[in-house]
């Protein structure tokens, strides 16, 4: 699960140092509150300077606490002399609608409001005397009913603050956008071989980087950033390439960690079978949790009579090793 604690710490420090300045940054709405020497300081969400904050959730029936995002700063050069009470309003519907409209997101591309029954977040916060900030978690209770192909959001607005403090009007709205990610999701280094009847035998090895994107509780689909497409890379025609209308989805059996690969492209006419390998032996397509590595062999026109299927004249086969390099 993505963590932003370190980044946020730097970000918060920056706001503590700069949020109280009256300068070009304030005039351009970079900062939230004017110089506290000339008017009362105020409060704001540091991360509200972004149009949205993204966070990846696991597919889980257990509660996931998302920290260091609902974070309110005192926009002042000095710490609070007494406790500051802040009230938040759940403004999800309005903020989601505004974001979708501003970015032209419609249909299945539009962000959805996270169902209220699936989360909770405290709406009353207090910056203690001597403090400069406060944070509360968003507790997401269960993600198994969420569509991994959609994004969901919670939107909060700072609606009140006591003690004569102001609300920074350009730091008062926070939109948190959640995507569901399973244990197999992430960025991977791929090393592979691809057999084609018109190619070399054995085929050349190639390397590239791919992403595995969640499509279900135990499944991920391969995305190739170099091609900006859901596709399986291969050496074909002397260079890295891919077939159209082929989107490999890896499904892991959570009990055995065995892997099955299938083409899930819309309108696909080609469907895969698991390969027998390049050595006439059964290939152990699998996920290795300890190293976060996929080993998979699959293709089509594969037969039982030879390494490449039948007489080898028509088979297409991929053998890939994918090693996890980090979250996407």
Protein backbone atom coordinates (compact mmCIF):
# COMPACT_ATOMS: atom_id res chain seq x y z
CA UNK A 1 0.00 0.00 0.00
CA UNK A 2 1.36 3.34 -1.00
CA UNK A 3 2.75 5.42 1.68
CA UNK A 4 3.38 9.15 1.49
CA UNK A 5 4.48 9.83 5.05
CA UNK A 6 8.00 11.01 4.15
CA UNK A 7 6.83 13.17 1.28
CA UNK A 8 4.13 14.68 3.45
CA UNK A 9 6.59 15.48 6.22
CA UNK A 10 8.67 17.51 3.76
CA UNK A 11 5.54 19.09 2.35
CA UNK A 12 4.21 20.06 5.78
CA UNK A 13 7.56 21.55 6.74
CA UNK A 14 7.47 23.65 3.60
CA UNK A 15 4.02 24.98 4.46
CA UNK A 16 5.00 25.76 8.04
CA UNK A 17 7.87 27.83 6.72
CA UNK A 18 6.08 29.51 3.82
CA UNK A 19 2.36 29.55 4.64
CA UNK A 20 2.68 32.74 6.69
CA UNK A 21 4.50 34.79 4.05
CA UNK A 22 3.02 37.78 2.27
CA UNK A 23 4.72 37.69 -1.11
CA UNK A 24 4.19 36.82 -4.75
CA UNK A 25 3.43 33.24 -3.73
CA UNK A 26 0.49 34.43 -1.66
CA UNK A 27 -0.72 36.79 -4.35
CA UNK A 28 -0.72 33.89 -6.83
CA UNK A 29 -2.66 31.69 -4.36
CA UNK A 30 0.38 29.50 -3.68
CA UNK A 31 -0.06 30.07 0.04
CA UNK A 32 -3.18 30.25 2.11
CA UNK A 33 -2.90 33.06 4.63
CA UNK A 34 -1.36 36.51 4.68
CA UNK A 35 1.32 37.65 7.08
CA UNK A 36 0.01 37.04 10.64
CA UNK A 37 1.53 40.36 11.68
CA UNK A 38 -1.06 42.17 9.58
CA UNK A 39 -4.07 39.86 9.99
CA UNK A 40 -4.96 36.71 11.98
CA UNK A 41 -3.30 33.50 10.76
CA UNK A 42 -5.42 30.60 9.62
CA UNK A 43 -5.65 26.90 8.85
CA UNK A 44 -5.64 24.77 5.70
CA UNK A 45 -5.05 21.31 4.23
CA UNK A 46 -1.43 21.24 2.93
CA UNK A 47 -2.40 18.63 0.33
CA UNK A 48 -5.29 20.77 -0.92
CA UNK A 49 -2.76 22.50 -3.18
CA UNK A 50 -3.18 19.40 -5.38
CA UNK A 51 -6.35 18.91 -7.39
CA UNK A 52 -6.58 15.42 -5.85
CA UNK A 53 -4.55 13.06 -3.68
CA UNK A 54 -4.28 9.44 -4.88
CA UNK A 55 -4.02 6.44 -2.59
CA UNK A 56 -3.97 2.71 -3.34
CA UNK A 57 -6.06 0.34 -1.23
CA UNK A 58 -5.68 -3.41 -0.85
CA UNK A 59 -8.51 -5.76 -1.74
CA UNK A 60 -9.48 -6.68 1.81
CA UNK A 61 -12.33 -7.27 4.25
CA UNK A 62 -10.19 -5.69 6.99
CA UNK A 63 -10.17 -2.02 7.92
CA UNK A 64 -7.40 0.02 6.30
CA UNK A 65 -6.45 3.26 8.05
CA UNK A 66 -5.17 5.90 5.65
CA UNK A 67 -3.00 8.34 7.57
CA UNK A 68 -1.24 11.64 6.86
CA UNK A 69 -3.68 12.84 4.20
CA UNK A 70 -6.46 14.49 6.24
CA UNK A 71 -3.84 16.80 7.67
CA UNK A 72 -4.58 20.37 8.79
CA UNK A 73 -1.80 22.90 9.25
CA UNK A 74 -1.74 26.11 11.22
CA UNK A 75 -0.69 28.66 8.60
CA UNK A 76 1.39 30.76 10.94
CA UNK A 77 4.98 31.48 11.83
CA UNK A 78 4.32 30.57 15.48
CA UNK A 79 2.71 27.62 17.23
CA UNK A 80 -0.84 27.81 18.58
CA UNK A 81 -1.05 29.69 21.88
CA UNK A 82 -4.18 27.72 22.81
CA UNK A 83 -6.13 24.79 21.37
CA UNK A 84 -7.68 25.40 17.93
CA UNK A 85 -10.88 23.53 17.15
CA UNK A 86 -11.57 22.78 13.50
CA UNK A 87 -14.72 21.44 11.90
CA UNK A 88 -14.72 19.50 8.63
CA UNK A 89 -17.72 18.86 6.39
CA UNK A 90 -18.08 15.78 4.22
CA UNK A 91 -18.42 17.46 0.84
CA UNK A 92 -17.79 14.40 -1.32
CA UNK A 93 -20.63 14.74 -3.83
CA UNK A 94 -19.85 18.37 -4.72
CA UNK A 95 -16.07 17.94 -4.92
CA UNK A 96 -16.30 14.75 -7.02
CA UNK A 97 -18.77 16.39 -9.41
CA UNK A 98 -16.57 19.47 -9.76
CA UNK A 99 -13.45 17.38 -10.45
CA UNK A 100 -15.18 15.19 -13.04
CA UNK A 101 -16.58 18.25 -14.80
CA UNK A 102 -13.29 20.15 -14.77
CA UNK A 103 -11.43 17.15 -16.24
CA UNK A 104 -14.08 15.97 -18.69
CA UNK A 105 -14.50 12.62 -16.93
CA UNK A 106 -17.71 10.84 -17.91
CA UNK A 107 -19.08 7.29 -18.05
CA UNK A 108 -16.72 4.65 -16.69
CA UNK A 109 -13.88 7.21 -16.57
CA UNK A 110 -15.67 9.34 -13.99
CA UNK A 111 -14.62 9.15 -10.35
CA UNK A 112 -17.29 7.78 -8.01
CA UNK A 113 -18.06 8.79 -4.45
CA UNK A 114 -16.82 6.15 -2.02
CA UNK A 115 -20.01 4.65 -0.50
CA UNK A 116 -20.49 6.17 3.00
CA UNK A 117 -21.07 2.74 4.55
CA UNK A 118 -17.52 1.74 3.62
CA UNK A 119 -15.55 4.40 5.51
CA UNK A 120 -15.45 6.83 8.40
CA UNK A 121 -13.39 9.91 9.20
CA UNK A 122 -13.51 12.27 12.18
CA UNK A 123 -14.95 15.66 11.31
CA UNK A 124 -13.85 17.45 14.50
CA UNK A 125 -10.13 18.09 14.89
CA UNK A 126 -8.05 20.00 17.43
CA UNK A 127 -4.60 21.51 17.02
CA UNK A 128 -3.30 21.45 20.61
CA UNK A 129 -1.78 24.41 22.36
CA UNK A 130 1.84 24.63 21.28
CA UNK A 131 1.11 22.62 18.15
CA UNK A 132 1.12 23.44 14.46
CA UNK A 133 -0.95 20.68 12.91
CA UNK A 134 -3.30 17.75 13.39
CA UNK A 135 -4.22 14.70 11.32
CA UNK A 136 -6.95 12.06 11.45
CA UNK A 137 -7.18 8.81 9.48
CA UNK A 138 -9.71 7.84 6.87
CA UNK A 139 -10.77 4.34 7.90
CA UNK A 140 -11.84 2.25 4.90
CA UNK A 141 -13.77 -0.71 6.27
CA UNK A 142 -14.05 -3.13 3.34
CA UNK A 143 -12.97 -2.90 -0.30
CA UNK A 144 -14.15 -6.24 -1.70
CA UNK A 145 -17.30 -4.72 -3.22
CA UNK A 146 -15.40 -1.98 -5.08
CA UNK A 147 -14.78 -2.20 -8.83
CA UNK A 148 -10.98 -2.35 -9.38
CA UNK A 149 -11.50 -0.65 -12.76
CA UNK A 150 -12.98 2.46 -11.16
CA UNK A 151 -11.75 5.18 -8.81
CA UNK A 152 -13.55 6.29 -5.68
CA UNK A 153 -13.23 9.49 -3.69
CA UNK A 154 -13.85 11.16 -0.35
CA UNK A 155 -14.08 14.95 -0.33
CA UNK A 156 -13.68 17.11 2.77
CA UNK A 157 -14.00 20.85 3.35
CA UNK A 158 -12.78 22.89 6.32
CA UNK A 159 -16.02 24.62 7.28
CA UNK A 160 -15.26 26.25 10.64
CA UNK A 161 -12.40 27.16 12.98
CA UNK A 162 -12.49 28.94 16.33
CA UNK A 163 -10.14 31.34 18.10
CA UNK A 164 -10.41 34.05 15.47
CA UNK A 165 -8.41 32.06 12.95
CA UNK A 166 -9.22 32.17 9.25
CA UNK A 167 -9.72 29.35 6.76
CA UNK A 168 -7.29 29.49 3.84
CA UNK A 169 -9.73 29.66 0.95
CA UNK A 170 -7.33 27.97 -1.47
CA UNK A 171 -6.52 25.20 1.02
CA UNK A 172 -9.97 24.38 2.33
CA UNK A 173 -11.04 21.53 0.00
CA UNK A 174 -9.39 18.08 -0.03
CA UNK A 175 -10.26 15.38 -2.58
CA UNK A 176 -8.84 11.93 -1.79
CA UNK A 177 -9.10 9.45 -4.68
CA UNK A 178 -8.80 5.74 -3.97
CA UNK A 179 -7.98 2.90 -6.33
CA UNK A 180 -8.19 -0.75 -5.32
CA UNK A 181 -4.94 -2.70 -5.67
CA UNK A 182 -4.32 -6.33 -4.84
CA UNK A 183 -1.08 -8.01 -3.71
CA UNK A 184 0.08 -8.60 -7.30
CA UNK A 185 -0.30 -4.99 -8.45
CA UNK A 186 2.75 -2.84 -9.18
CA UNK A 187 5.64 -2.06 -11.49
CA UNK A 188 7.69 -4.99 -12.76
CA UNK A 189 10.92 -5.62 -14.63
CA UNK A 190 10.11 -8.12 -17.38
CA UNK A 191 12.58 -10.51 -18.98
CA UNK A 192 11.03 -12.66 -21.67
CA UNK A 193 11.17 -14.73 -24.82
CA UNK A 194 8.57 -15.01 -27.56
CA UNK A 195 8.33 -17.82 -30.09
CA UNK A 196 6.75 -17.23 -33.52
CA UNK A 197 6.93 -19.58 -36.52
CA UNK A 198 8.71 -16.92 -38.56
CA UNK A 199 11.22 -16.13 -35.83
CA UNK A 200 14.42 -17.61 -34.45
CA UNK A 201 14.41 -20.94 -32.67
CA UNK A 202 15.18 -20.64 -29.81
CA UNK A 203 13.91 -17.04 -29.62
CA UNK A 204 15.95 -14.09 -28.42
CA UNK A 205 15.61 -12.78 -24.87
CA UNK A 206 14.38 -9.21 -24.27
CA UNK A 207 13.87 -6.94 -21.27
CA UNK A 208 11.47 -4.09 -20.62
CA UNK A 209 9.33 -2.60 -17.84
CA UNK A 210 5.64 -3.25 -17.40
CA UNK A 211 2.88 -2.61 -14.90
CA UNK A 212 0.46 -5.17 -13.53
CA UNK A 213 -2.85 -3.45 -12.83
CA UNK A 214 -5.55 -4.87 -10.59
CA UNK A 215 -8.62 -6.27 -12.33
CA UNK A 216 -9.98 -8.39 -9.47
CA UNK A 217 -9.11 -9.76 -6.03
CA UNK A 218 -6.56 -12.23 -7.49
CA UNK A 219 -6.00 -10.94 -11.02
CA UNK A 220 -3.90 -8.29 -12.76
CA UNK A 221 -3.61 -7.17 -16.37
CA UNK A 222 -0.31 -6.36 -18.04
CA UNK A 223 0.19 -2.74 -19.12
CA UNK A 224 3.21 -1.78 -21.23
CA UNK A 225 4.07 1.92 -20.66
CA UNK A 226 6.44 2.03 -23.67
CA UNK A 227 3.49 1.24 -25.94
CA UNK A 228 0.90 3.00 -23.75
CA UNK A 229 -1.25 -0.12 -24.10
CA UNK A 230 -2.43 -3.21 -22.29
CA UNK A 231 -0.23 -5.66 -24.17
CA UNK A 232 2.37 -8.40 -23.91
CA UNK A 233 5.80 -7.23 -25.20
CA UNK A 234 7.79 -9.44 -27.54
CA UNK A 235 10.65 -9.36 -30.03
CA UNK A 236 9.04 -9.49 -33.46
CA UNK A 237 10.45 -8.23 -36.73
CA UNK A 238 13.77 -7.52 -35.02
CA UNK A 239 12.38 -5.05 -32.47
CA UNK A 240 10.14 -4.83 -29.42
CA UNK A 241 6.52 -5.04 -30.51
CA UNK A 242 3.12 -6.42 -29.51
CA UNK A 243 -0.01 -7.92 -31.03
CA UNK A 244 -3.20 -5.88 -31.05
CA UNK A 245 -6.41 -7.15 -29.43
CA UNK A 246 -4.37 -9.17 -26.92
CA UNK A 247 -4.45 -8.12 -23.28
CA UNK A 248 -2.97 -10.75 -20.96
CA UNK A 249 -4.60 -11.05 -17.56
CA UNK A 250 -2.79 -13.07 -14.89
CA UNK A 251 -5.01 -14.86 -12.35
CA UNK A 252 -3.37 -16.30 -9.24
CA UNK A 253 -4.78 -19.21 -7.27
CA UNK A 254 -4.29 -17.88 -3.71
CA UNK A 255 -4.11 -21.40 -2.29
CA UNK A 256 -1.35 -22.73 -4.56
CA UNK A 257 0.05 -19.52 -6.17
CA UNK A 258 -0.31 -21.14 -9.59
CA UNK A 259 -0.96 -18.69 -12.44
CA UNK A 260 -3.26 -18.82 -15.44
CA UNK A 261 -2.95 -16.22 -18.23
CA UNK A 262 -5.85 -15.34 -20.52
CA UNK A 263 -6.55 -12.77 -23.22
CA UNK A 264 -9.27 -10.43 -21.91
CA UNK A 265 -9.18 -7.80 -24.68
CA UNK A 266 -12.63 -6.63 -25.77
CA UNK A 267 -13.58 -8.40 -28.98
CA UNK A 268 -10.69 -10.85 -28.71
CA UNK A 269 -10.74 -13.85 -31.04
CA UNK A 270 -7.51 -15.36 -29.73
CA UNK A 271 -7.49 -17.20 -26.41
CA UNK A 272 -4.55 -18.65 -24.56
CA UNK A 273 -3.55 -22.00 -23.17
CA UNK A 274 -0.78 -22.40 -20.64
CA UNK A 275 2.49 -23.32 -22.34
CA UNK A 276 4.49 -26.50 -22.06
CA UNK A 277 7.75 -24.59 -22.10
CA UNK A 278 10.66 -24.63 -24.55
CA UNK A 279 12.01 -27.91 -23.23
CA UNK A 280 9.01 -30.18 -23.91
CA UNK A 281 8.30 -30.20 -20.16
CA UNK A 282 5.34 -28.73 -18.35
CA UNK A 283 6.07 -25.14 -17.34
CA UNK A 284 5.30 -24.18 -13.74
CA UNK A 285 3.51 -20.85 -14.20
CA UNK A 286 3.40 -19.36 -10.72
CA UNK A 287 3.62 -16.37 -8.38
CA UNK A 288 6.37 -16.37 -5.73
CA UNK A 289 5.24 -14.15 -2.83
CA UNK A 290 8.65 -13.98 -1.11
CA UNK A 291 10.27 -12.28 -4.12
CA UNK A 292 7.10 -10.86 -5.71
CA UNK A 293 7.92 -12.59 -8.97
CA UNK A 294 5.73 -14.00 -11.74
CA UNK A 295 6.93 -16.92 -13.85
CA UNK A 296 4.51 -17.59 -16.70
CA UNK A 297 4.37 -19.40 -20.03
CA UNK A 298 1.35 -19.13 -22.29
CA UNK A 299 0.37 -18.90 -25.93
CA UNK A 300 -1.92 -20.25 -28.63
CA UNK A 301 -1.79 -22.91 -31.34
CA UNK A 302 0.11 -24.95 -28.77
CA UNK A 303 -0.08 -28.73 -29.02
CA UNK A 304 1.15 -31.59 -26.91
CA UNK A 305 3.52 -33.05 -29.49
CA UNK A 306 6.50 -30.72 -29.28
CA UNK A 307 8.19 -27.85 -27.54
CA UNK A 308 6.34 -25.33 -29.64
CA UNK A 309 3.16 -27.34 -30.09
CA UNK A 310 2.51 -29.99 -32.72
CA UNK A 311 5.06 -29.65 -35.51
CA UNK A 312 6.01 -26.18 -34.27
CA UNK A 313 4.80 -24.44 -37.42
CA UNK A 314 1.98 -22.35 -35.99
CA UNK A 315 2.63 -21.91 -32.30
CA UNK A 316 2.96 -18.52 -30.62
CA UNK A 317 4.36 -18.67 -27.11
CA UNK A 318 5.56 -16.24 -24.42
CA UNK A 319 7.79 -17.17 -21.49
CA UNK A 320 8.10 -14.24 -19.09
CA UNK A 321 9.70 -13.57 -15.72
CA UNK A 322 8.36 -10.47 -14.00
CA UNK A 323 10.10 -9.11 -10.88
CA UNK A 324 8.32 -6.50 -8.76
CA UNK A 325 10.21 -3.19 -8.60
CA UNK A 326 7.75 -1.02 -6.68
CA UNK A 327 4.20 0.28 -6.44
CA UNK A 328 2.69 2.07 -9.38
